[in-house]
Amino acid sequence: MVRESPASGWKLWRWSGACHGSAAGCSLRVRARRFGFVTASFVPPGDRLNPYPLGTAAPLTGGWQLKINSALIDADAEVEAVDNQPPPPAGAQYTLVNVSMTYQGGGSYSLPGYLLGVQAVGAGNAGYNVDGCQPPPLYLDSDFTPVFSGQTVTGNLCFEIASNDAASLLLQGRGTAGLPAWFALH
């Protein structure tokens, strides 16, 4: 029996060679004078196949750190209550994501410019920008107050998404090393 043993935060993606699938273990039968290969492939934390869980802070480019505090996937009523905002079009819905963003770079930075690279993405691979709707108070996308090094700001991001992406929705930020950082919303 061969068992997966990923590093902390990593996740088994799949076996290949003499083992197949993604179960935690694989049974092998060894025959005399025969050999085979087994490969275990793992995905790092923050990968689309292994998103950071709710409540986990993770580094992004530009000296930012992002943590998803909560997500309300069907937030139509909450968003429509803000300044009489109209309901979303047929087949769409509003989603609210409450985040904490900590600036760890030097000096200060304005958050709205950075949020242009943050999107909600579902199984349909459509990217939904933070300007899709106006959320209830604590609207991060409109606060141009500089955030200084070591400061944390908490607020809501609002997305208008296709309803058929709701069950698979993730948040994508600009991760380190040029790779996207993925965050679970469920």
N, C-alpha and C. Protein backbone atom coordinates (compact mmCIF):
# COMPACT_ATOMS: atom_id res chain seq x y z
N MET A 1 0.84 -1.17 0.00
CA MET A 1 0.00 0.00 0.00
C MET A 1 0.89 1.24 0.00
N VAL A 2 0.64 2.15 -0.90
CA VAL A 2 1.34 3.42 -0.98
C VAL A 2 0.36 4.50 -0.55
N ARG A 3 0.78 5.40 0.34
CA ARG A 3 -0.09 6.47 0.84
C ARG A 3 0.51 7.82 0.48
N GLU A 4 -0.37 8.76 0.19
CA GLU A 4 0.07 10.12 -0.08
C GLU A 4 0.49 10.78 1.24
N SER A 5 1.46 11.68 1.14
CA SER A 5 1.93 12.38 2.33
C SER A 5 2.39 13.78 1.92
N PRO A 6 1.41 14.66 1.65
CA PRO A 6 1.78 16.00 1.17
C PRO A 6 2.34 16.87 2.30
N ALA A 7 3.10 17.88 1.93
CA ALA A 7 3.59 18.88 2.89
C ALA A 7 2.38 19.68 3.39
N SER A 8 2.56 20.37 4.48
CA SER A 8 1.48 21.15 5.10
C SER A 8 0.85 22.10 4.08
N GLY A 9 -0.48 22.03 3.96
CA GLY A 9 -1.21 22.89 3.04
C GLY A 9 -1.33 22.35 1.63
N TRP A 10 -0.47 21.43 1.26
CA TRP A 10 -0.51 20.85 -0.08
C TRP A 10 -1.58 19.77 -0.12
N LYS A 11 -1.98 19.39 -1.34
CA LYS A 11 -3.06 18.43 -1.52
C LYS A 11 -2.72 17.48 -2.67
N LEU A 12 -3.03 16.20 -2.47
CA LEU A 12 -2.83 15.24 -3.55
C LEU A 12 -3.76 15.60 -4.71
N TRP A 13 -3.18 15.65 -5.90
CA TRP A 13 -3.99 15.90 -7.08
C TRP A 13 -4.37 14.58 -7.72
N ARG A 14 -3.35 13.75 -8.03
CA ARG A 14 -3.64 12.46 -8.64
C ARG A 14 -2.40 11.57 -8.65
N TRP A 15 -2.68 10.30 -8.79
CA TRP A 15 -1.64 9.29 -8.98
C TRP A 15 -1.50 9.03 -10.47
N SER A 16 -0.31 8.60 -10.88
CA SER A 16 -0.13 8.14 -12.26
C SER A 16 0.87 6.99 -12.24
N GLY A 17 0.96 6.32 -13.36
CA GLY A 17 1.81 5.13 -13.44
C GLY A 17 1.01 3.91 -13.03
N ALA A 18 1.53 3.14 -12.07
CA ALA A 18 0.87 1.91 -11.63
C ALA A 18 -0.36 2.20 -10.76
N CYS A 19 -0.51 3.42 -10.32
CA CYS A 19 -1.69 3.84 -9.54
C CYS A 19 -2.44 4.91 -10.32
N HIS A 20 -3.74 4.96 -10.11
CA HIS A 20 -4.57 5.95 -10.79
C HIS A 20 -5.57 6.54 -9.80
N GLY A 21 -6.07 7.71 -10.12
CA GLY A 21 -7.10 8.34 -9.30
C GLY A 21 -6.52 9.30 -8.29
N SER A 22 -7.35 9.66 -7.30
CA SER A 22 -6.94 10.65 -6.31
C SER A 22 -7.23 10.20 -4.88
N ALA A 23 -7.44 8.91 -4.67
CA ALA A 23 -7.65 8.40 -3.31
C ALA A 23 -6.37 8.58 -2.50
N ALA A 24 -6.49 8.60 -1.18
CA ALA A 24 -5.33 8.82 -0.30
C ALA A 24 -4.30 7.70 -0.39
N GLY A 25 -4.71 6.52 -0.79
CA GLY A 25 -3.78 5.40 -0.88
C GLY A 25 -3.97 4.62 -2.17
N CYS A 26 -2.99 3.80 -2.47
CA CYS A 26 -3.02 2.99 -3.68
C CYS A 26 -2.43 1.61 -3.36
N SER A 27 -3.14 0.57 -3.68
CA SER A 27 -2.64 -0.79 -3.45
C SER A 27 -1.90 -1.27 -4.69
N LEU A 28 -0.73 -1.82 -4.47
CA LEU A 28 0.08 -2.35 -5.56
C LEU A 28 0.31 -3.84 -5.35
N ARG A 29 0.39 -4.53 -6.43
CA ARG A 29 0.73 -5.95 -6.38
C ARG A 29 2.05 -6.10 -7.13
N VAL A 30 3.08 -6.48 -6.42
CA VAL A 30 4.41 -6.59 -7.00
C VAL A 30 4.62 -8.02 -7.47
N ARG A 31 5.04 -8.17 -8.70
CA ARG A 31 5.30 -9.49 -9.26
C ARG A 31 6.81 -9.66 -9.42
N ALA A 32 7.27 -10.87 -9.33
CA ALA A 32 8.70 -11.17 -9.45
C ALA A 32 9.25 -10.67 -10.78
N ARG A 33 10.43 -10.09 -10.73
CA ARG A 33 11.16 -9.61 -11.89
C ARG A 33 10.38 -8.59 -12.74
N ARG A 34 9.48 -7.90 -12.11
CA ARG A 34 8.73 -6.85 -12.81
C ARG A 34 8.89 -5.57 -12.01
N PHE A 35 8.85 -4.47 -12.67
CA PHE A 35 8.89 -3.21 -11.95
C PHE A 35 7.90 -2.24 -12.60
N GLY A 36 7.50 -1.28 -11.83
CA GLY A 36 6.58 -0.26 -12.31
C GLY A 36 6.88 1.05 -11.59
N PHE A 37 6.30 2.08 -12.06
CA PHE A 37 6.51 3.39 -11.47
C PHE A 37 5.19 3.93 -10.94
N VAL A 38 5.30 4.64 -9.85
CA VAL A 38 4.15 5.33 -9.27
C VAL A 38 4.56 6.78 -9.06
N THR A 39 3.72 7.68 -9.52
CA THR A 39 3.98 9.10 -9.33
C THR A 39 2.79 9.72 -8.63
N ALA A 40 3.06 10.49 -7.60
CA ALA A 40 2.02 11.25 -6.91
C ALA A 40 2.23 12.71 -7.25
N SER A 41 1.18 13.37 -7.75
CA SER A 41 1.26 14.79 -8.08
C SER A 41 0.48 15.58 -7.04
N PHE A 42 1.10 16.63 -6.54
CA PHE A 42 0.50 17.46 -5.49
C PHE A 42 0.30 18.88 -5.99
N VAL A 43 -0.68 19.58 -5.42
CA VAL A 43 -0.90 20.99 -5.76
C VAL A 43 -0.67 21.83 -4.51
N PRO A 44 -0.03 22.98 -4.68
CA PRO A 44 0.28 23.83 -3.52
C PRO A 44 -0.94 24.58 -3.02
N PRO A 45 -0.87 25.09 -1.79
CA PRO A 45 -1.96 25.92 -1.31
C PRO A 45 -2.08 27.18 -2.18
N GLY A 46 -3.31 27.58 -2.44
CA GLY A 46 -3.55 28.75 -3.28
C GLY A 46 -3.74 28.43 -4.74
N ASP A 47 -3.54 27.17 -5.13
CA ASP A 47 -3.80 26.73 -6.50
C ASP A 47 -5.31 26.64 -6.70
N ARG A 48 -5.78 26.75 -7.92
CA ARG A 48 -7.22 26.64 -8.17
C ARG A 48 -7.78 25.31 -7.69
N LEU A 49 -6.97 24.25 -7.75
CA LEU A 49 -7.41 22.93 -7.29
C LEU A 49 -7.27 22.77 -5.78
N ASN A 50 -6.65 23.74 -5.11
CA ASN A 50 -6.43 23.69 -3.67
C ASN A 50 -6.48 25.12 -3.11
N PRO A 51 -7.65 25.79 -3.22
CA PRO A 51 -7.72 27.19 -2.81
C PRO A 51 -7.51 27.37 -1.31
N TYR A 52 -7.05 28.56 -0.94
CA TYR A 52 -6.93 28.88 0.48
C TYR A 52 -8.33 28.82 1.11
N PRO A 53 -8.48 28.17 2.25
CA PRO A 53 -9.81 28.10 2.87
C PRO A 53 -10.24 29.44 3.46
N LEU A 54 -11.55 29.57 3.68
CA LEU A 54 -12.08 30.76 4.34
C LEU A 54 -11.31 31.00 5.63
N GLY A 55 -10.99 32.26 5.89
CA GLY A 55 -10.31 32.61 7.13
C GLY A 55 -8.81 32.48 7.10
N THR A 56 -8.24 32.05 5.98
CA THR A 56 -6.79 31.89 5.86
C THR A 56 -6.20 33.09 5.13
N ALA A 57 -5.27 33.77 5.76
CA ALA A 57 -4.60 34.91 5.13
C ALA A 57 -3.48 34.39 4.23
N ALA A 58 -3.34 35.01 3.06
CA ALA A 58 -2.30 34.59 2.12
C ALA A 58 -1.70 35.81 1.44
N PRO A 59 -0.41 35.74 1.09
CA PRO A 59 0.26 36.88 0.46
C PRO A 59 -0.14 37.06 -1.00
N LEU A 60 -0.23 38.31 -1.41
CA LEU A 60 -0.45 38.67 -2.80
C LEU A 60 0.70 39.57 -3.24
N THR A 61 0.76 39.88 -4.53
CA THR A 61 1.81 40.77 -5.02
C THR A 61 1.58 42.18 -4.48
N GLY A 62 2.60 42.98 -4.59
CA GLY A 62 2.49 44.37 -4.19
C GLY A 62 2.50 44.59 -2.70
N GLY A 63 2.84 43.57 -1.91
CA GLY A 63 2.90 43.73 -0.47
C GLY A 63 1.58 43.55 0.25
N TRP A 64 0.58 43.04 -0.42
CA TRP A 64 -0.74 42.84 0.21
C TRP A 64 -0.89 41.42 0.73
N GLN A 65 -1.73 41.29 1.75
CA GLN A 65 -2.15 39.98 2.25
C GLN A 65 -3.68 40.01 2.29
N LEU A 66 -4.31 38.93 1.81
CA LEU A 66 -5.77 38.86 1.71
C LEU A 66 -6.30 37.72 2.56
N LYS A 67 -7.40 37.99 3.23
CA LYS A 67 -8.10 36.95 3.99
C LYS A 67 -9.59 37.10 3.69
N ILE A 68 -10.23 35.99 3.30
CA ILE A 68 -11.68 35.98 3.10
C ILE A 68 -12.32 35.70 4.45
N ASN A 69 -13.08 36.65 4.95
CA ASN A 69 -13.76 36.47 6.24
C ASN A 69 -15.07 35.71 6.07
N SER A 70 -15.82 36.04 5.03
CA SER A 70 -17.09 35.37 4.77
C SER A 70 -17.51 35.67 3.33
N ALA A 71 -18.44 34.87 2.86
CA ALA A 71 -18.99 35.08 1.51
C ALA A 71 -20.48 34.76 1.53
N LEU A 72 -21.26 35.64 0.96
CA LEU A 72 -22.68 35.43 0.79
C LEU A 72 -22.90 35.29 -0.71
N ILE A 73 -23.02 34.05 -1.16
CA ILE A 73 -23.06 33.77 -2.60
C ILE A 73 -24.33 34.32 -3.25
N ASP A 74 -25.47 34.23 -2.58
CA ASP A 74 -26.72 34.80 -3.09
C ASP A 74 -27.08 36.00 -2.22
N ALA A 75 -26.60 37.17 -2.64
CA ALA A 75 -26.77 38.39 -1.84
C ALA A 75 -27.69 39.40 -2.52
N ASP A 76 -28.64 38.91 -3.32
CA ASP A 76 -29.53 39.82 -4.04
C ASP A 76 -30.24 40.80 -3.11
N ALA A 77 -30.85 40.29 -2.06
CA ALA A 77 -31.62 41.16 -1.16
C ALA A 77 -30.73 42.21 -0.50
N GLU A 78 -29.54 41.81 -0.05
CA GLU A 78 -28.63 42.74 0.63
C GLU A 78 -28.15 43.84 -0.31
N VAL A 79 -27.85 43.49 -1.55
CA VAL A 79 -27.35 44.48 -2.50
C VAL A 79 -28.48 45.38 -2.99
N GLU A 80 -29.65 44.80 -3.26
CA GLU A 80 -30.78 45.60 -3.74
C GLU A 80 -31.23 46.61 -2.70
N ALA A 81 -30.96 46.37 -1.43
CA ALA A 81 -31.34 47.30 -0.37
C ALA A 81 -30.44 48.54 -0.33
N VAL A 82 -29.34 48.54 -1.04
CA VAL A 82 -28.41 49.67 -1.07
C VAL A 82 -28.85 50.65 -2.15
N ASP A 83 -29.27 51.83 -1.73
CA ASP A 83 -29.65 52.89 -2.68
C ASP A 83 -30.59 52.40 -3.77
N ASN A 84 -31.51 51.53 -3.43
CA ASN A 84 -32.50 51.01 -4.39
C ASN A 84 -31.85 50.46 -5.65
N GLN A 85 -30.79 49.72 -5.49
CA GLN A 85 -30.11 49.12 -6.64
C GLN A 85 -31.06 48.11 -7.29
N PRO A 86 -31.12 48.07 -8.62
CA PRO A 86 -32.04 47.16 -9.29
C PRO A 86 -31.61 45.70 -9.12
N PRO A 87 -32.54 44.77 -9.30
CA PRO A 87 -32.16 43.35 -9.22
C PRO A 87 -31.22 43.01 -10.37
N PRO A 88 -30.46 41.93 -10.21
CA PRO A 88 -29.57 41.52 -11.31
C PRO A 88 -30.40 41.03 -12.49
N PRO A 89 -29.81 41.00 -13.68
CA PRO A 89 -30.53 40.48 -14.84
C PRO A 89 -30.89 39.00 -14.66
N ALA A 90 -31.82 38.52 -15.44
CA ALA A 90 -32.21 37.10 -15.39
C ALA A 90 -30.98 36.23 -15.60
N GLY A 91 -30.84 35.20 -14.78
CA GLY A 91 -29.71 34.28 -14.89
C GLY A 91 -28.47 34.75 -14.15
N ALA A 92 -28.58 35.89 -13.46
CA ALA A 92 -27.44 36.43 -12.72
C ALA A 92 -27.84 36.62 -11.26
N GLN A 93 -26.84 36.84 -10.42
CA GLN A 93 -27.09 37.13 -9.01
C GLN A 93 -25.92 37.92 -8.46
N TYR A 94 -26.17 38.58 -7.34
CA TYR A 94 -25.13 39.33 -6.66
C TYR A 94 -24.46 38.43 -5.62
N THR A 95 -23.14 38.62 -5.45
CA THR A 95 -22.37 37.90 -4.44
C THR A 95 -21.56 38.92 -3.65
N LEU A 96 -21.62 38.80 -2.32
CA LEU A 96 -20.84 39.67 -1.43
C LEU A 96 -19.72 38.87 -0.78
N VAL A 97 -18.52 39.42 -0.79
CA VAL A 97 -17.38 38.78 -0.16
C VAL A 97 -16.78 39.77 0.83
N ASN A 98 -16.74 39.40 2.10
CA ASN A 98 -16.13 40.25 3.11
C ASN A 98 -14.68 39.83 3.27
N VAL A 99 -13.76 40.79 3.07
CA VAL A 99 -12.33 40.51 3.10
C VAL A 99 -11.61 41.44 4.05
N SER A 100 -10.47 40.99 4.53
CA SER A 100 -9.52 41.84 5.23
C SER A 100 -8.25 41.86 4.40
N MET A 101 -7.78 43.07 4.12
CA MET A 101 -6.56 43.23 3.35
C MET A 101 -5.55 44.00 4.18
N THR A 102 -4.38 43.42 4.33
CA THR A 102 -3.30 44.03 5.11
C THR A 102 -2.19 44.43 4.16
N TYR A 103 -1.76 45.69 4.27
CA TYR A 103 -0.66 46.16 3.44
C TYR A 103 0.65 45.95 4.19
N GLN A 104 1.56 45.20 3.59
CA GLN A 104 2.84 44.89 4.22
C GLN A 104 4.02 45.46 3.44
N GLY A 105 3.71 46.26 2.41
CA GLY A 105 4.77 46.89 1.63
C GLY A 105 5.27 48.14 2.31
N GLY A 106 6.12 48.88 1.62
CA GLY A 106 6.65 50.12 2.17
C GLY A 106 5.75 51.29 1.84
N GLY A 107 5.73 52.29 2.70
CA GLY A 107 4.95 53.49 2.45
C GLY A 107 3.46 53.24 2.56
N SER A 108 2.72 53.62 1.51
CA SER A 108 1.27 53.42 1.51
C SER A 108 0.80 53.08 0.10
N TYR A 109 -0.43 52.62 0.01
CA TYR A 109 -1.01 52.23 -1.28
C TYR A 109 -2.51 52.45 -1.21
N SER A 110 -3.09 52.83 -2.33
CA SER A 110 -4.54 53.00 -2.42
C SER A 110 -5.16 51.68 -2.86
N LEU A 111 -6.11 51.21 -2.11
CA LEU A 111 -6.68 49.88 -2.35
C LEU A 111 -7.47 49.74 -3.66
N PRO A 112 -8.31 50.71 -4.07
CA PRO A 112 -9.11 50.48 -5.29
C PRO A 112 -8.29 50.14 -6.52
N GLY A 113 -7.14 50.75 -6.71
CA GLY A 113 -6.30 50.42 -7.85
C GLY A 113 -5.83 48.98 -7.82
N TYR A 114 -5.53 48.49 -6.63
CA TYR A 114 -5.08 47.11 -6.50
C TYR A 114 -6.21 46.12 -6.76
N LEU A 115 -7.42 46.48 -6.36
CA LEU A 115 -8.55 45.56 -6.50
C LEU A 115 -8.95 45.30 -7.95
N LEU A 116 -8.41 46.08 -8.89
CA LEU A 116 -8.70 45.83 -10.30
C LEU A 116 -8.23 44.44 -10.73
N GLY A 117 -7.27 43.87 -10.02
CA GLY A 117 -6.76 42.54 -10.35
C GLY A 117 -7.44 41.41 -9.59
N VAL A 118 -8.47 41.72 -8.80
CA VAL A 118 -9.19 40.70 -8.02
C VAL A 118 -10.49 40.36 -8.74
N GLN A 119 -10.74 39.08 -8.93
CA GLN A 119 -11.95 38.63 -9.63
C GLN A 119 -12.57 37.43 -8.93
N ALA A 120 -13.87 37.28 -9.12
CA ALA A 120 -14.54 36.03 -8.78
C ALA A 120 -14.58 35.21 -10.07
N VAL A 121 -14.33 33.91 -9.96
CA VAL A 121 -14.30 33.04 -11.14
C VAL A 121 -15.01 31.74 -10.79
N GLY A 122 -15.86 31.27 -11.69
CA GLY A 122 -16.57 30.01 -11.49
C GLY A 122 -16.12 28.98 -12.51
N ALA A 123 -16.83 27.85 -12.54
CA ALA A 123 -16.48 26.75 -13.44
C ALA A 123 -16.55 27.17 -14.91
N GLY A 124 -17.36 28.17 -15.22
CA GLY A 124 -17.45 28.65 -16.60
C GLY A 124 -16.26 29.48 -17.04
N ASN A 125 -15.33 29.73 -16.10
CA ASN A 125 -14.10 30.49 -16.34
C ASN A 125 -14.31 31.96 -16.71
N ALA A 126 -15.51 32.48 -16.47
CA ALA A 126 -15.73 33.91 -16.66
C ALA A 126 -15.17 34.63 -15.45
N GLY A 127 -14.50 35.74 -15.67
CA GLY A 127 -13.98 36.55 -14.57
C GLY A 127 -14.96 37.67 -14.26
N TYR A 128 -15.36 37.78 -13.01
CA TYR A 128 -16.29 38.81 -12.57
C TYR A 128 -15.53 39.85 -11.77
N ASN A 129 -15.59 41.11 -12.20
CA ASN A 129 -14.85 42.19 -11.55
C ASN A 129 -15.60 42.73 -10.34
N VAL A 130 -14.86 43.42 -9.46
CA VAL A 130 -15.46 43.96 -8.24
C VAL A 130 -16.40 45.12 -8.50
N ASP A 131 -16.47 45.63 -9.69
CA ASP A 131 -17.36 46.76 -9.96
C ASP A 131 -18.72 46.32 -10.50
N GLY A 132 -19.09 45.06 -10.30
CA GLY A 132 -20.34 44.54 -10.83
C GLY A 132 -21.58 45.03 -10.11
N CYS A 133 -21.43 45.53 -8.90
CA CYS A 133 -22.56 46.03 -8.12
C CYS A 133 -22.02 46.83 -6.94
N GLN A 134 -22.90 47.56 -6.28
CA GLN A 134 -22.48 48.33 -5.10
C GLN A 134 -22.91 47.59 -3.85
N PRO A 135 -21.94 47.20 -3.01
CA PRO A 135 -22.28 46.43 -1.81
C PRO A 135 -22.77 47.32 -0.67
N PRO A 136 -23.27 46.70 0.38
CA PRO A 136 -23.61 47.45 1.59
C PRO A 136 -22.37 48.14 2.15
N PRO A 137 -22.52 48.96 3.18
CA PRO A 137 -21.38 49.70 3.74
C PRO A 137 -20.14 48.83 3.96
N LEU A 138 -19.03 49.52 4.06
CA LEU A 138 -17.69 48.94 4.07
C LEU A 138 -17.30 48.52 2.66
N TYR A 139 -17.57 49.40 1.72
CA TYR A 139 -17.32 49.16 0.31
C TYR A 139 -15.85 49.47 0.02
N LEU A 140 -15.02 48.45 -0.10
CA LEU A 140 -13.58 48.64 -0.27
C LEU A 140 -13.19 49.26 -1.59
N ASP A 141 -13.95 49.00 -2.64
CA ASP A 141 -13.56 49.43 -3.97
C ASP A 141 -13.66 50.95 -4.16
N SER A 142 -14.32 51.67 -3.24
CA SER A 142 -14.49 53.10 -3.43
C SER A 142 -13.71 53.94 -2.41
N ASP A 143 -12.99 53.32 -1.51
CA ASP A 143 -12.26 54.05 -0.48
C ASP A 143 -10.82 54.30 -0.96
N PHE A 144 -10.55 55.55 -1.33
CA PHE A 144 -9.23 55.89 -1.88
C PHE A 144 -8.26 56.38 -0.79
N THR A 145 -8.64 56.20 0.48
CA THR A 145 -7.75 56.57 1.58
C THR A 145 -6.51 55.68 1.52
N PRO A 146 -5.31 56.27 1.64
CA PRO A 146 -4.10 55.43 1.60
C PRO A 146 -4.08 54.43 2.76
N VAL A 147 -3.61 53.24 2.47
CA VAL A 147 -3.41 52.22 3.49
C VAL A 147 -1.90 52.15 3.73
N PHE A 148 -1.49 52.38 4.98
CA PHE A 148 -0.07 52.42 5.31
C PHE A 148 0.42 51.03 5.72
N SER A 149 1.71 50.84 5.60
CA SER A 149 2.32 49.56 5.93
C SER A 149 1.92 49.10 7.33
N GLY A 150 1.45 47.86 7.42
CA GLY A 150 1.01 47.29 8.69
C GLY A 150 -0.47 47.48 8.98
N GLN A 151 -1.16 48.32 8.20
CA GLN A 151 -2.59 48.55 8.42
C GLN A 151 -3.42 47.48 7.72
N THR A 152 -4.57 47.16 8.33
CA THR A 152 -5.54 46.23 7.76
C THR A 152 -6.85 46.97 7.54
N VAL A 153 -7.43 46.78 6.38
CA VAL A 153 -8.77 47.31 6.10
C VAL A 153 -9.69 46.14 5.83
N THR A 154 -10.91 46.24 6.32
CA THR A 154 -11.89 45.17 6.16
C THR A 154 -13.13 45.76 5.52
N GLY A 155 -13.69 45.04 4.56
CA GLY A 155 -14.89 45.52 3.91
C GLY A 155 -15.42 44.51 2.92
N ASN A 156 -16.41 44.96 2.16
CA ASN A 156 -17.13 44.08 1.23
C ASN A 156 -16.72 44.33 -0.21
N LEU A 157 -16.64 43.25 -0.95
CA LEU A 157 -16.50 43.30 -2.41
C LEU A 157 -17.79 42.74 -2.98
N CYS A 158 -18.25 43.33 -4.07
CA CYS A 158 -19.53 42.91 -4.65
C CYS A 158 -19.31 42.48 -6.10
N PHE A 159 -19.89 41.35 -6.45
CA PHE A 159 -19.76 40.81 -7.80
C PHE A 159 -21.14 40.48 -8.35
N GLU A 160 -21.36 40.76 -9.61
CA GLU A 160 -22.55 40.26 -10.30
C GLU A 160 -22.07 39.06 -11.11
N ILE A 161 -22.60 37.87 -10.76
CA ILE A 161 -22.11 36.63 -11.37
C ILE A 161 -23.25 35.91 -12.10
N ALA A 162 -22.90 35.01 -12.99
CA ALA A 162 -23.89 34.12 -13.59
C ALA A 162 -24.31 33.11 -12.53
N SER A 163 -25.59 32.91 -12.36
CA SER A 163 -26.09 32.00 -11.32
C SER A 163 -25.53 30.60 -11.46
N ASN A 164 -25.24 30.17 -12.69
CA ASN A 164 -24.72 28.80 -12.87
C ASN A 164 -23.26 28.67 -12.43
N ASP A 165 -22.60 29.77 -12.06
CA ASP A 165 -21.25 29.71 -11.51
C ASP A 165 -21.24 29.75 -9.98
N ALA A 166 -22.40 29.94 -9.36
CA ALA A 166 -22.47 30.15 -7.90
C ALA A 166 -21.86 29.00 -7.10
N ALA A 167 -22.15 27.77 -7.45
CA ALA A 167 -21.69 26.62 -6.67
C ALA A 167 -20.18 26.41 -6.76
N SER A 168 -19.55 26.91 -7.81
CA SER A 168 -18.12 26.67 -8.02
C SER A 168 -17.28 27.94 -7.83
N LEU A 169 -17.88 29.00 -7.35
CA LEU A 169 -17.23 30.31 -7.30
C LEU A 169 -16.01 30.35 -6.38
N LEU A 170 -14.93 30.90 -6.89
CA LEU A 170 -13.69 31.14 -6.13
C LEU A 170 -13.29 32.60 -6.33
N LEU A 171 -12.45 33.11 -5.44
CA LEU A 171 -11.89 34.44 -5.61
C LEU A 171 -10.46 34.29 -6.08
N GLN A 172 -10.09 35.05 -7.09
CA GLN A 172 -8.73 35.01 -7.62
C GLN A 172 -8.06 36.36 -7.38
N GLY A 173 -6.88 36.32 -6.76
CA GLY A 173 -6.08 37.52 -6.57
C GLY A 173 -4.75 37.36 -7.27
N ARG A 174 -3.99 38.43 -7.29
CA ARG A 174 -2.66 38.40 -7.91
C ARG A 174 -1.67 37.83 -6.90
N GLY A 175 -1.36 36.56 -7.05
CA GLY A 175 -0.47 35.88 -6.11
C GLY A 175 0.99 36.24 -6.35
N THR A 176 1.82 35.69 -5.49
CA THR A 176 3.26 35.93 -5.63
C THR A 176 3.81 35.08 -6.76
N ALA A 177 5.00 35.37 -7.19
CA ALA A 177 5.70 34.63 -8.25
C ALA A 177 4.93 34.65 -9.57
N GLY A 178 4.08 35.65 -9.78
CA GLY A 178 3.36 35.77 -11.04
C GLY A 178 2.21 34.81 -11.22
N LEU A 179 1.90 34.00 -10.22
CA LEU A 179 0.81 33.04 -10.32
C LEU A 179 -0.44 33.57 -9.62
N PRO A 180 -1.63 33.21 -10.10
CA PRO A 180 -2.84 33.62 -9.37
C PRO A 180 -2.91 32.93 -8.01
N ALA A 181 -3.53 33.61 -7.07
CA ALA A 181 -3.81 33.01 -5.75
C ALA A 181 -5.33 32.81 -5.68
N TRP A 182 -5.74 31.59 -5.37
CA TRP A 182 -7.16 31.24 -5.36
C TRP A 182 -7.65 31.07 -3.93
N PHE A 183 -8.85 31.59 -3.65
CA PHE A 183 -9.45 31.54 -2.33
C PHE A 183 -10.85 30.93 -2.41
N ALA A 184 -11.14 30.00 -1.50
CA ALA A 184 -12.46 29.37 -1.46
C ALA A 184 -13.49 30.37 -0.95
N LEU A 185 -14.69 30.30 -1.47
CA LEU A 185 -15.80 31.13 -1.02
C LEU A 185 -16.90 30.30 -0.40
N HIS A 186 -16.71 29.00 -0.32
CA HIS A 186 -17.71 28.10 0.28
C HIS A 186 -17.08 27.38 1.45
